[in-house]
Amino acid sequence: MAKLFRAKWLLLPILIIVIAAGYAAWQYFSKWESTDDAQIEGHIHPVNARLGGTVLSVTVQENQPVQAGAGLVQLDARDYEVALARADAELAAAQAAVLAARAGVPIASS
């Protein structure tokens, strides 16, 4: 009977250690998600640019909430300045062509 009593007291700490280790393992592995099809549900919000260009700087951090209409990036304006200068030159050439055509109208009428 004494041997049986000692065996119970030796098994008790081992049982407590096994239970504690099982609980710790359950706590650790319960946080890991496992899947075979790798599908998630989420809200997708596409971000469409109104115009393209070279990005000089990004003014927001990743996953930072932003308000509607807030600037997200700063674009290089040189491409647009060149396009504006070209449009101004084409406008000036068209206006000169109109003046030249008006100057030739009286000659053609007579």
PDB file of N, CA and C in Angstrom:
ATOM      1  N   MET A   1       0.807  -1.173   0.000  1.00  0.00           N
ATOM      2  CA  MET A   1       0.000   0.000   0.000  1.00  0.00           C
ATOM      3  C   MET A   1       0.863   1.256   0.000  1.00  0.00           C
ATOM      4  N   ALA A   2       1.993   1.211   0.668  1.00  0.00           N
ATOM      5  CA  ALA A   2       2.891   2.359   0.715  1.00  0.00           C
ATOM      6  C   ALA A   2       3.484   2.634  -0.649  1.00  0.00           C
ATOM      7  N   LYS A   3       3.781   1.577  -1.419  1.00  0.00           N
ATOM      8  CA  LYS A   3       4.328   1.768  -2.768  1.00  0.00           C
ATOM      9  C   LYS A   3       3.294   2.404  -3.683  1.00  0.00           C
ATOM     10  N   LEU A   4       2.053   1.986  -3.565  1.00  0.00           N
ATOM     11  CA  LEU A   4       0.986   2.551  -4.365  1.00  0.00           C
ATOM     12  C   LEU A   4       0.784   4.025  -4.006  1.00  0.00           C
ATOM     13  N   PHE A   5       0.867   4.345  -2.732  1.00  0.00           N
ATOM     14  CA  PHE A   5       0.729   5.729  -2.287  1.00  0.00           C
ATOM     15  C   PHE A   5       1.858   6.595  -2.861  1.00  0.00           C
ATOM     16  N   ARG A   6       3.113   6.070  -2.842  1.00  0.00           N
ATOM     17  CA  ARG A   6       4.248   6.813  -3.402  1.00  0.00           C
ATOM     18  C   ARG A   6       4.110   6.953  -4.911  1.00  0.00           C
ATOM     19  N   ALA A   7       3.620   5.957  -5.605  1.00  0.00           N
ATOM     20  CA  ALA A   7       3.458   6.004  -7.057  1.00  0.00           C
ATOM     21  C   ALA A   7       2.449   7.085  -7.436  1.00  0.00           C
ATOM     22  N   LYS A   8       1.383   7.232  -6.643  1.00  0.00           N
ATOM     23  CA  LYS A   8       0.401   8.283  -6.907  1.00  0.00           C
ATOM     24  C   LYS A   8       1.046   9.663  -6.775  1.00  0.00           C
ATOM     25  N   TRP A   9       1.874   9.842  -5.763  1.00  0.00           N
ATOM     26  CA  TRP A   9       2.524  11.132  -5.552  1.00  0.00           C
ATOM     27  C   TRP A   9       3.590  11.402  -6.612  1.00  0.00           C
ATOM     28  N   LEU A  10       4.177  10.393  -7.219  1.00  0.00           N
ATOM     29  CA  LEU A  10       5.129  10.587  -8.315  1.00  0.00           C
ATOM     30  C   LEU A  10       4.410  10.900  -9.626  1.00  0.00           C
ATOM     31  N   LEU A  11       3.241  10.324  -9.830  1.00  0.00           N
ATOM     32  CA  LEU A  11       2.484  10.563 -11.053  1.00  0.00           C
ATOM     33  C   LEU A  11       1.793  11.920 -11.043  1.00  0.00           C
ATOM     34  N   LEU A  12       1.470  12.439  -9.888  1.00  0.00           N
ATOM     35  CA  LEU A  12       0.779  13.720  -9.788  1.00  0.00           C
ATOM     36  C   LEU A  12       1.593  14.871 -10.398  1.00  0.00           C
ATOM     37  N   PRO A  13       2.893  15.059 -10.065  1.00  0.00           N
ATOM     38  CA  PRO A  13       3.645  16.144 -10.716  1.00  0.00           C
ATOM     39  C   PRO A  13       3.794  15.935 -12.222  1.00  0.00           C
ATOM     40  N   ILE A  14       3.953  14.685 -12.635  1.00  0.00           N
ATOM     41  CA  ILE A  14       4.073  14.416 -14.075  1.00  0.00           C
ATOM     42  C   ILE A  14       2.768  14.778 -14.778  1.00  0.00           C
ATOM     43  N   LEU A  15       1.645  14.433 -14.183  1.00  0.00           N
ATOM     44  CA  LEU A  15       0.346  14.765 -14.746  1.00  0.00           C
ATOM     45  C   LEU A  15       0.149  16.278 -14.810  1.00  0.00           C
ATOM     46  N   ILE A  16       0.565  16.986 -13.773  1.00  0.00           N
ATOM     47  CA  ILE A  16       0.447  18.456 -13.761  1.00  0.00           C
ATOM     48  C   ILE A  16       1.313  19.060 -14.853  1.00  0.00           C
ATOM     49  N   ILE A  17       2.530  18.539 -15.044  1.00  0.00           N
ATOM     50  CA  ILE A  17       3.426  19.041 -16.092  1.00  0.00           C
ATOM     51  C   ILE A  17       2.831  18.777 -17.474  1.00  0.00           C
ATOM     52  N   VAL A  18       2.264  17.599 -17.681  1.00  0.00           N
ATOM     53  CA  VAL A  18       1.658  17.263 -18.974  1.00  0.00           C
ATOM     54  C   VAL A  18       0.461  18.167 -19.253  1.00  0.00           C
ATOM     55  N   ILE A  19      -0.355  18.410 -18.260  1.00  0.00           N
ATOM     56  CA  ILE A  19      -1.518  19.282 -18.440  1.00  0.00           C
ATOM     57  C   ILE A  19      -1.071  20.715 -18.732  1.00  0.00           C
ATOM     58  N   ALA A  20      -0.069  21.213 -17.998  1.00  0.00           N
ATOM     59  CA  ALA A  20       0.429  22.572 -18.225  1.00  0.00           C
ATOM     60  C   ALA A  20       1.044  22.701 -19.619  1.00  0.00           C
ATOM     61  N   ALA A  21       1.806  21.699 -20.031  1.00  0.00           N
ATOM     62  CA  ALA A  21       2.412  21.741 -21.369  1.00  0.00           C
ATOM     63  C   ALA A  21       1.333  21.678 -22.445  1.00  0.00           C
ATOM     64  N   GLY A  22       0.310  20.868 -22.249  1.00  0.00           N
ATOM     65  CA  GLY A  22      -0.795  20.792 -23.210  1.00  0.00           C
ATOM     66  C   GLY A  22      -1.532  22.110 -23.310  1.00  0.00           C
ATOM     67  N   TYR A  23      -1.779  22.749 -22.163  1.00  0.00           N
ATOM     68  CA  TYR A  23      -2.454  24.050 -22.170  1.00  0.00           C
ATOM     69  C   TYR A  23      -1.604  25.111 -22.868  1.00  0.00           C
ATOM     70  N   ALA A  24      -0.296  25.126 -22.581  1.00  0.00           N
ATOM     71  CA  ALA A  24       0.602  26.092 -23.222  1.00  0.00           C
ATOM     72  C   ALA A  24       0.651  25.861 -24.730  1.00  0.00           C
ATOM     73  N   ALA A  25       0.695  24.601 -25.155  1.00  0.00           N
ATOM     74  CA  ALA A  25       0.707  24.303 -26.585  1.00  0.00           C
ATOM     75  C   ALA A  25      -0.605  24.722 -27.232  1.00  0.00           C
ATOM     76  N   TRP A  26      -1.721  24.476 -26.553  1.00  0.00           N
ATOM     77  CA  TRP A  26      -3.015  24.896 -27.095  1.00  0.00           C
ATOM     78  C   TRP A  26      -3.089  26.409 -27.231  1.00  0.00           C
ATOM     79  N   GLN A  27      -2.611  27.146 -26.220  1.00  0.00           N
ATOM     80  CA  GLN A  27      -2.597  28.618 -26.283  1.00  0.00           C
ATOM     81  C   GLN A  27      -1.739  29.101 -27.447  1.00  0.00           C
ATOM     82  N   TYR A  28      -0.606  28.472 -27.660  1.00  0.00           N
ATOM     83  CA  TYR A  28       0.316  28.897 -28.714  1.00  0.00           C
ATOM     84  C   TYR A  28      -0.273  28.599 -30.099  1.00  0.00           C
ATOM     85  N   PHE A  29      -0.751  27.393 -30.318  1.00  0.00           N
ATOM     86  CA  PHE A  29      -1.201  26.991 -31.641  1.00  0.00           C
ATOM     87  C   PHE A  29      -2.618  27.433 -31.963  1.00  0.00           C
ATOM     88  N   SER A  30      -3.394  27.863 -30.992  1.00  0.00           N
ATOM     89  CA  SER A  30      -4.751  28.316 -31.282  1.00  0.00           C
ATOM     90  C   SER A  30      -4.745  29.667 -31.991  1.00  0.00           C
ATOM     91  N   LYS A  31      -3.655  30.392 -31.959  1.00  0.00           N
ATOM     92  CA  LYS A  31      -3.567  31.696 -32.621  1.00  0.00           C
ATOM     93  C   LYS A  31      -3.213  31.568 -34.089  1.00  0.00           C
ATOM     94  N   TRP A  32      -2.788  30.411 -34.536  1.00  0.00           N
ATOM     95  CA  TRP A  32      -2.399  30.200 -35.934  1.00  0.00           C
ATOM     96  C   TRP A  32      -3.604  29.722 -36.726  1.00  0.00           C
ATOM     97  N   GLU A  33      -3.826  30.376 -37.853  1.00  0.00           N
ATOM     98  CA  GLU A  33      -4.952  30.021 -38.710  1.00  0.00           C
ATOM     99  C   GLU A  33      -4.436  29.148 -39.835  1.00  0.00           C
ATOM    100  N   SER A  34      -5.174  28.126 -40.152  1.00  0.00           N
ATOM    101  CA  SER A  34      -4.777  27.203 -41.210  1.00  0.00           C
ATOM    102  C   SER A  34      -5.909  27.095 -42.218  1.00  0.00           C
ATOM    103  N   THR A  35      -5.544  27.030 -43.507  1.00  0.00           N
ATOM    104  CA  THR A  35      -6.556  26.915 -44.553  1.00  0.00           C
ATOM    105  C   THR A  35      -5.989  26.163 -45.738  1.00  0.00           C
ATOM    106  N   ASP A  36      -6.873  25.523 -46.481  1.00  0.00           N
ATOM    107  CA  ASP A  36      -6.464  24.835 -47.692  1.00  0.00           C
ATOM    108  C   ASP A  36      -6.837  25.618 -48.942  1.00  0.00           C
ATOM    109  N   ASP A  37      -7.828  26.496 -48.850  1.00  0.00           N
ATOM    110  CA  ASP A  37      -8.270  27.214 -50.041  1.00  0.00           C
ATOM    111  C   ASP A  37      -7.795  28.662 -50.081  1.00  0.00           C
ATOM    112  N   ALA A  38      -7.258  29.185 -49.021  1.00  0.00           N
ATOM    113  CA  ALA A  38      -6.647  30.518 -48.959  1.00  0.00           C
ATOM    114  C   ALA A  38      -7.573  31.614 -49.474  1.00  0.00           C
ATOM    115  N   GLN A  39      -8.800  31.613 -49.046  1.00  0.00           N
ATOM    116  CA  GLN A  39      -9.730  32.663 -49.406  1.00  0.00           C
ATOM    117  C   GLN A  39     -10.043  33.485 -48.165  1.00  0.00           C
ATOM    118  N   ILE A  40     -10.151  34.785 -48.361  1.00  0.00           N
ATOM    119  CA  ILE A  40     -10.489  35.661 -47.248  1.00  0.00           C
ATOM    120  C   ILE A  40     -11.667  36.538 -47.643  1.00  0.00           C
ATOM    121  N   GLU A  41     -12.325  37.079 -46.667  1.00  0.00           N
ATOM    122  CA  GLU A  41     -13.364  38.065 -46.909  1.00  0.00           C
ATOM    123  C   GLU A  41     -12.827  39.404 -46.451  1.00  0.00           C
ATOM    124  N   GLY A  42     -13.027  40.407 -47.255  1.00  0.00           N
ATOM    125  CA  GLY A  42     -12.548  41.729 -46.876  1.00  0.00           C
ATOM    126  C   GLY A  42     -13.191  42.786 -47.741  1.00  0.00           C
ATOM    127  N   HIS A  43     -12.972  44.007 -47.397  1.00  0.00           N
ATOM    128  CA  HIS A  43     -13.483  45.136 -48.157  1.00  0.00           C
ATOM    129  C   HIS A  43     -12.361  45.663 -49.035  1.00  0.00           C
ATOM    130  N   ILE A  44     -12.610  45.716 -50.332  1.00  0.00           N
ATOM    131  CA  ILE A  44     -11.611  46.198 -51.277  1.00  0.00           C
ATOM    132  C   ILE A  44     -12.032  47.590 -51.721  1.00  0.00           C
ATOM    133  N   HIS A  45     -11.132  48.527 -51.574  1.00  0.00           N
ATOM    134  CA  HIS A  45     -11.379  49.900 -51.991  1.00  0.00           C
ATOM    135  C   HIS A  45     -10.342  50.265 -53.041  1.00  0.00           C
ATOM    136  N   PRO A  46     -10.728  50.256 -54.317  1.00  0.00           N
ATOM    137  CA  PRO A  46      -9.744  50.593 -55.348  1.00  0.00           C
ATOM    138  C   PRO A  46      -9.382  52.077 -55.289  1.00  0.00           C
ATOM    139  N   VAL A  47      -8.143  52.348 -55.576  1.00  0.00           N
ATOM    140  CA  VAL A  47      -7.656  53.723 -55.622  1.00  0.00           C
ATOM    141  C   VAL A  47      -7.281  54.004 -57.069  1.00  0.00           C
ATOM    142  N   ASN A  48      -8.033  54.876 -57.717  1.00  0.00           N
ATOM    143  CA  ASN A  48      -7.781  55.209 -59.110  1.00  0.00           C
ATOM    144  C   ASN A  48      -7.213  56.616 -59.202  1.00  0.00           C
ATOM    145  N   ALA A  49      -6.163  56.741 -59.980  1.00  0.00           N
ATOM    146  CA  ALA A  49      -5.551  58.047 -60.160  1.00  0.00           C
ATOM    147  C   ALA A  49      -6.278  58.800 -61.264  1.00  0.00           C
ATOM    148  N   ARG A  50      -6.479  60.071 -61.065  1.00  0.00           N
ATOM    149  CA  ARG A  50      -7.095  60.890 -62.109  1.00  0.00           C
ATOM    150  C   ARG A  50      -6.085  61.221 -63.193  1.00  0.00           C
ATOM    151  N   LEU A  51      -4.839  61.220 -62.840  1.00  0.00           N
ATOM    152  CA  LEU A  51      -3.784  61.490 -63.809  1.00  0.00           C
ATOM    153  C   LEU A  51      -2.530  60.733 -63.399  1.00  0.00           C
ATOM    154  N   GLY A  52      -1.653  60.523 -64.360  1.00  0.00           N
ATOM    155  CA  GLY A  52      -0.432  59.772 -64.092  1.00  0.00           C
ATOM    156  C   GLY A  52       0.769  60.690 -63.992  1.00  0.00           C
ATOM    157  N   GLY A  53       1.854  60.158 -63.526  1.00  0.00           N
ATOM    158  CA  GLY A  53       3.070  60.937 -63.416  1.00  0.00           C
ATOM    159  C   GLY A  53       4.077  60.251 -62.515  1.00  0.00           C
ATOM    160  N   THR A  54       5.219  60.921 -62.384  1.00  0.00           N
ATOM    161  CA  THR A  54       6.280  60.406 -61.528  1.00  0.00           C
ATOM    162  C   THR A  54       6.032  60.865 -60.092  1.00  0.00           C
ATOM    163  N   VAL A  55       6.047  59.934 -59.170  1.00  0.00           N
ATOM    164  CA  VAL A  55       5.767  60.241 -57.761  1.00  0.00           C
ATOM    165  C   VAL A  55       7.037  60.797 -57.109  1.00  0.00           C
ATOM    166  N   LEU A  56       6.926  61.977 -56.516  1.00  0.00           N
ATOM    167  CA  LEU A  56       8.042  62.571 -55.780  1.00  0.00           C
ATOM    168  C   LEU A  56       8.051  62.118 -54.329  1.00  0.00           C
ATOM    169  N   SER A  57       6.882  62.087 -53.705  1.00  0.00           N
ATOM    170  CA  SER A  57       6.807  61.646 -52.313  1.00  0.00           C
ATOM    171  C   SER A  57       5.412  61.109 -52.009  1.00  0.00           C
ATOM    172  N   VAL A  58       5.356  60.193 -51.066  1.00  0.00           N
ATOM    173  CA  VAL A  58       4.096  59.638 -50.592  1.00  0.00           C
ATOM    174  C   VAL A  58       3.831  60.257 -49.228  1.00  0.00           C
ATOM    175  N   THR A  59       2.643  60.833 -49.057  1.00  0.00           N
ATOM    176  CA  THR A  59       2.367  61.608 -47.841  1.00  0.00           C
ATOM    177  C   THR A  59       1.624  60.814 -46.772  1.00  0.00           C
ATOM    178  N   VAL A  60       1.371  59.530 -46.994  1.00  0.00           N
ATOM    179  CA  VAL A  60       0.691  58.703 -46.000  1.00  0.00           C
ATOM    180  C   VAL A  60       1.516  57.460 -45.720  1.00  0.00           C
ATOM    181  N   GLN A  61       1.284  56.873 -44.553  1.00  0.00           N
ATOM    182  CA  GLN A  61       1.940  55.624 -44.183  1.00  0.00           C
ATOM    183  C   GLN A  61       1.061  54.454 -44.595  1.00  0.00           C
ATOM    184  N   GLU A  62       1.639  53.281 -44.667  1.00  0.00           N
ATOM    185  CA  GLU A  62       0.889  52.087 -45.039  1.00  0.00           C
ATOM    186  C   GLU A  62      -0.172  51.789 -43.981  1.00  0.00           C
ATOM    187  N   ASN A  63      -1.374  51.470 -44.440  1.00  0.00           N
ATOM    188  CA  ASN A  63      -2.544  51.154 -43.607  1.00  0.00           C
ATOM    189  C   ASN A  63      -3.024  52.324 -42.761  1.00  0.00           C
ATOM    190  N   GLN A  64      -2.649  53.534 -43.105  1.00  0.00           N
ATOM    191  CA  GLN A  64      -3.113  54.720 -42.379  1.00  0.00           C
ATOM    192  C   GLN A  64      -4.475  55.129 -42.936  1.00  0.00           C
ATOM    193  N   PRO A  65      -5.467  55.366 -42.076  1.00  0.00           N
ATOM    194  CA  PRO A  65      -6.756  55.842 -42.589  1.00  0.00           C
ATOM    195  C   PRO A  65      -6.623  57.274 -43.113  1.00  0.00           C
ATOM    196  N   VAL A  66      -7.276  57.556 -44.221  1.00  0.00           N
ATOM    197  CA  VAL A  66      -7.231  58.894 -44.817  1.00  0.00           C
ATOM    198  C   VAL A  66      -8.655  59.376 -45.062  1.00  0.00           C
ATOM    199  N   GLN A  67      -8.804  60.670 -45.112  1.00  0.00           N
ATOM    200  CA  GLN A  67     -10.097  61.279 -45.381  1.00  0.00           C
ATOM    201  C   GLN A  67     -10.304  61.385 -46.891  1.00  0.00           C
ATOM    202  N   ALA A  68     -11.548  61.440 -47.302  1.00  0.00           N
ATOM    203  CA  ALA A  68     -11.872  61.591 -48.723  1.00  0.00           C
ATOM    204  C   ALA A  68     -11.327  62.927 -49.216  1.00  0.00           C
ATOM    205  N   GLY A  69     -10.669  62.900 -50.356  1.00  0.00           N
ATOM    206  CA  GLY A  69     -10.115  64.112 -50.959  1.00  0.00           C
ATOM    207  C   GLY A  69      -8.731  64.473 -50.468  1.00  0.00           C
ATOM    208  N   ALA A  70      -8.181  63.712 -49.540  1.00  0.00           N
ATOM    209  CA  ALA A  70      -6.842  64.013 -49.028  1.00  0.00           C
ATOM    210  C   ALA A  70      -5.799  63.614 -50.069  1.00  0.00           C
ATOM    211  N   GLY A  71      -4.728  64.400 -50.158  1.00  0.00           N
ATOM    212  CA  GLY A  71      -3.639  64.087 -51.082  1.00  0.00           C
ATOM    213  C   GLY A  71      -2.815  62.916 -50.572  1.00  0.00           C
ATOM    214  N   LEU A  72      -2.606  61.939 -51.435  1.00  0.00           N
ATOM    215  CA  LEU A  72      -1.851  60.758 -51.032  1.00  0.00           C
ATOM    216  C   LEU A  72      -0.398  60.825 -51.483  1.00  0.00           C
ATOM    217  N   VAL A  73      -0.164  61.423 -52.648  1.00  0.00           N
ATOM    218  CA  VAL A  73       1.189  61.505 -53.185  1.00  0.00           C
ATOM    219  C   VAL A  73       1.421  62.892 -53.767  1.00  0.00           C
ATOM    220  N   GLN A  74       2.691  63.238 -53.924  1.00  0.00           N
ATOM    221  CA  GLN A  74       3.068  64.472 -54.603  1.00  0.00           C
ATOM    222  C   GLN A  74       3.723  64.071 -55.919  1.00  0.00           C
ATOM    223  N   LEU A  75       3.165  64.564 -57.026  1.00  0.00           N
ATOM    224  CA  LEU A  75       3.661  64.202 -58.350  1.00  0.00           C
ATOM    225  C   LEU A  75       4.629  65.255 -58.876  1.00  0.00           C
ATOM    226  N   ASP A  76       5.519  64.816 -59.756  1.00  0.00           N
ATOM    227  CA  ASP A  76       6.459  65.714 -60.412  1.00  0.00           C
ATOM    228  C   ASP A  76       5.694  66.532 -61.445  1.00  0.00           C
ATOM    229  N   ALA A  77       5.751  67.849 -61.362  1.00  0.00           N
ATOM    230  CA  ALA A  77       4.964  68.727 -62.230  1.00  0.00           C
ATOM    231  C   ALA A  77       5.658  69.056 -63.540  1.00  0.00           C
ATOM    232  N   ARG A  78       6.902  68.624 -63.745  1.00  0.00           N
ATOM    233  CA  ARG A  78       7.634  68.999 -64.960  1.00  0.00           C
ATOM    234  C   ARG A  78       6.955  68.502 -66.227  1.00  0.00           C
ATOM    235  N   ASP A  79       6.406  67.297 -66.211  1.00  0.00           N
ATOM    236  CA  ASP A  79       5.721  66.781 -67.403  1.00  0.00           C
ATOM    237  C   ASP A  79       4.528  67.654 -67.760  1.00  0.00           C
ATOM    238  N   TYR A  80       3.805  68.113 -66.759  1.00  0.00           N
ATOM    239  CA  TYR A  80       2.634  68.949 -67.011  1.00  0.00           C
ATOM    240  C   TYR A  80       3.032  70.357 -67.432  1.00  0.00           C
ATOM    241  N   GLU A  81       4.141  70.860 -66.906  1.00  0.00           N
ATOM    242  CA  GLU A  81       4.628  72.173 -67.335  1.00  0.00           C
ATOM    243  C   GLU A  81       5.062  72.133 -68.794  1.00  0.00           C
ATOM    244  N   VAL A  82       5.693  71.049 -69.220  1.00  0.00           N
ATOM    245  CA  VAL A  82       6.088  70.898 -70.624  1.00  0.00           C
ATOM    246  C   VAL A  82       4.849  70.815 -71.508  1.00  0.00           C
ATOM    247  N   ALA A  83       3.851  70.050 -71.065  1.00  0.00           N
ATOM    248  CA  ALA A  83       2.603  69.938 -71.832  1.00  0.00           C
ATOM    249  C   ALA A  83       1.902  71.286 -71.928  1.00  0.00           C
ATOM    250  N   LEU A  84       1.916  72.072 -70.837  1.00  0.00           N
ATOM    251  CA  LEU A  84       1.306  73.404 -70.859  1.00  0.00           C
ATOM    252  C   LEU A  84       2.055  74.329 -71.813  1.00  0.00           C
ATOM    253  N   ALA A  85       3.382  74.292 -71.779  1.00  0.00           N
ATOM    254  CA  ALA A  85       4.177  75.131 -72.690  1.00  0.00           C
ATOM    255  C   ALA A  85       3.912  74.735 -74.146  1.00  0.00           C
ATOM    256  N   ARG A  86       3.795  73.434 -74.418  1.00  0.00           N
ATOM    257  CA  ARG A  86       3.495  72.983 -75.781  1.00  0.00           C
ATOM    258  C   ARG A  86       2.105  73.457 -76.212  1.00  0.00           C
ATOM    259  N   ALA A  87       1.126  73.376 -75.310  1.00  0.00           N
ATOM    260  CA  ALA A  87      -0.224  73.834 -75.642  1.00  0.00           C
ATOM    261  C   ALA A  87      -0.243  75.344 -75.874  1.00  0.00           C
ATOM    262  N   ASP A  88       0.516  76.111 -75.077  1.00  0.00           N
ATOM    263  CA  ASP A  88       0.605  77.559 -75.286  1.00  0.00           C
ATOM    264  C   ASP A  88       1.233  77.869 -76.639  1.00  0.00           C
ATOM    265  N   ALA A  89       2.274  77.114 -77.016  1.00  0.00           N
ATOM    266  CA  ALA A  89       2.928  77.331 -78.312  1.00  0.00           C
ATOM    267  C   ALA A  89       1.975  76.985 -79.451  1.00  0.00           C
ATOM    268  N   GLU A  90       1.217  75.918 -79.310  1.00  0.00           N
ATOM    269  CA  GLU A  90       0.246  75.553 -80.352  1.00  0.00           C
ATOM    270  C   GLU A  90      -0.861  76.591 -80.448  1.00  0.00           C
ATOM    271  N   LEU A  91      -1.290  77.147 -79.310  1.00  0.00           N
ATOM    272  CA  LEU A  91      -2.300  78.206 -79.314  1.00  0.00           C
ATOM    273  C   LEU A  91      -1.754  79.447 -80.020  1.00  0.00           C
ATOM    274  N   ALA A  92      -0.524  79.819 -79.700  1.00  0.00           N
ATOM    275  CA  ALA A  92       0.078  80.993 -80.354  1.00  0.00           C
ATOM    276  C   ALA A  92       0.212  80.762 -81.860  1.00  0.00           C
ATOM    277  N   ALA A  93       0.594  79.559 -82.277  1.00  0.00           N
ATOM    278  CA  ALA A  93       0.706  79.258 -83.709  1.00  0.00           C
ATOM    279  C   ALA A  93      -0.666  79.314 -84.372  1.00  0.00           C
ATOM    280  N   ALA A  94      -1.705  78.825 -83.700  1.00  0.00           N
ATOM    281  CA  ALA A  94      -3.057  78.866 -84.262  1.00  0.00           C
ATOM    282  C   ALA A  94      -3.551  80.299 -84.362  1.00  0.00           C
ATOM    283  N   GLN A  95      -3.254  81.127 -83.353  1.00  0.00           N
ATOM    284  CA  GLN A  95      -3.663  82.527 -83.406  1.00  0.00           C
ATOM    285  C   GLN A  95      -2.929  83.262 -84.518  1.00  0.00           C
ATOM    286  N   ALA A  96      -1.647  82.953 -84.717  1.00  0.00           N
ATOM    287  CA  ALA A  96      -0.893  83.566 -85.815  1.00  0.00           C
ATOM    288  C   ALA A  96      -1.457  83.125 -87.151  1.00  0.00           C
ATOM    289  N   ALA A  97      -1.870  81.868 -87.260  1.00  0.00           N
ATOM    290  CA  ALA A  97      -2.459  81.387 -88.505  1.00  0.00           C
ATOM    291  C   ALA A  97      -3.789  82.086 -88.780  1.00  0.00           C
ATOM    292  N   VAL A  98      -4.561  82.368 -87.724  1.00  0.00           N
ATOM    293  CA  VAL A  98      -5.830  83.091 -87.888  1.00  0.00           C
ATOM    294  C   VAL A  98      -5.553  84.506 -88.370  1.00  0.00           C
ATOM    295  N   LEU A  99      -4.565  85.196 -87.767  1.00  0.00           N
ATOM    296  CA  LEU A  99      -4.225  86.556 -88.200  1.00  0.00           C
ATOM    297  C   LEU A  99      -3.733  86.561 -89.640  1.00  0.00           C
ATOM    298  N   ALA A 100      -2.939  85.573 -90.016  1.00  0.00           N
ATOM    299  CA  ALA A 100      -2.443  85.501 -91.389  1.00  0.00           C
ATOM    300  C   ALA A 100      -3.591  85.229 -92.349  1.00  0.00           C
ATOM    301  N   ALA A 101      -4.538  84.408 -91.932  1.00  0.00           N
ATOM    302  CA  ALA A 101      -5.679  84.126 -92.803  1.00  0.00           C
ATOM    303  C   ALA A 101      -6.569  85.347 -92.935  1.00  0.00           C
ATOM    304  N   ARG A 102      -6.719  86.119 -91.865  1.00  0.00           N
ATOM    305  CA  ARG A 102      -7.527  87.338 -91.943  1.00  0.00           C
ATOM    306  C   ARG A 102      -6.870  88.376 -92.839  1.00  0.00           C
ATOM    307  N   ALA A 103      -5.546  88.397 -92.797  1.00  0.00           N
ATOM    308  CA  ALA A 103      -4.847  89.369 -93.642  1.00  0.00           C
ATOM    309  C   ALA A 103      -5.025  89.013 -95.102  1.00  0.00           C
ATOM    310  N   GLY A 104      -5.186  87.746 -95.428  1.00  0.00           N
ATOM    311  CA  GLY A 104      -5.347  87.350 -96.817  1.00  0.00           C
ATOM    312  C   GLY A 104      -6.783  87.432 -97.301  1.00  0.00           C
ATOM    313  N   VAL A 105      -7.766  87.636 -96.426  1.00  0.00           N
ATOM    314  CA  VAL A 105      -9.170  87.694 -96.838  1.00  0.00           C
ATOM    315  C   VAL A 105      -9.450  88.881 -97.744  1.00  0.00           C
ATOM    316  N   PRO A 106      -8.993  90.140 -97.473  1.00  0.00           N
ATOM    317  CA  PRO A 106      -9.315  91.256 -98.378  1.00  0.00           C
ATOM    318  C   PRO A 106      -8.711  91.058 -99.779  1.00  0.00           C
ATOM    319  N   ILE A 107      -7.567  90.429 -99.858  1.00  0.00           N
ATOM    320  CA  ILE A 107      -6.953  90.218-101.165  1.00  0.00           C
ATOM    321  C   ILE A 107      -7.788  89.218-101.948  1.00  0.00           C
ATOM    322  N   ALA A 108      -8.246  88.204-101.316  1.00  0.00           N
ATOM    323  CA  ALA A 108      -9.038  87.200-102.009  1.00  0.00           C
ATOM    324  C   ALA A 108     -10.419  87.733-102.371  1.00  0.00           C
ATOM    325  N   SER A 109     -10.974  88.690-101.640  1.00  0.00           N
ATOM    326  CA  SER A 109     -12.290  89.224-101.926  1.00  0.00           C
ATOM    327  C   SER A 109     -12.268  90.140-103.125  1.00  0.00           C
ATOM    328  N   SER A 110     -11.183  90.838-103.298  1.00  0.00           N
ATOM    329  CA  SER A 110     -11.194  91.789-104.403  1.00  0.00           C
ATOM    330  C   SER A 110     -10.794  91.043-105.636  1.00  0.00           C
TER     331      SER A 110
END
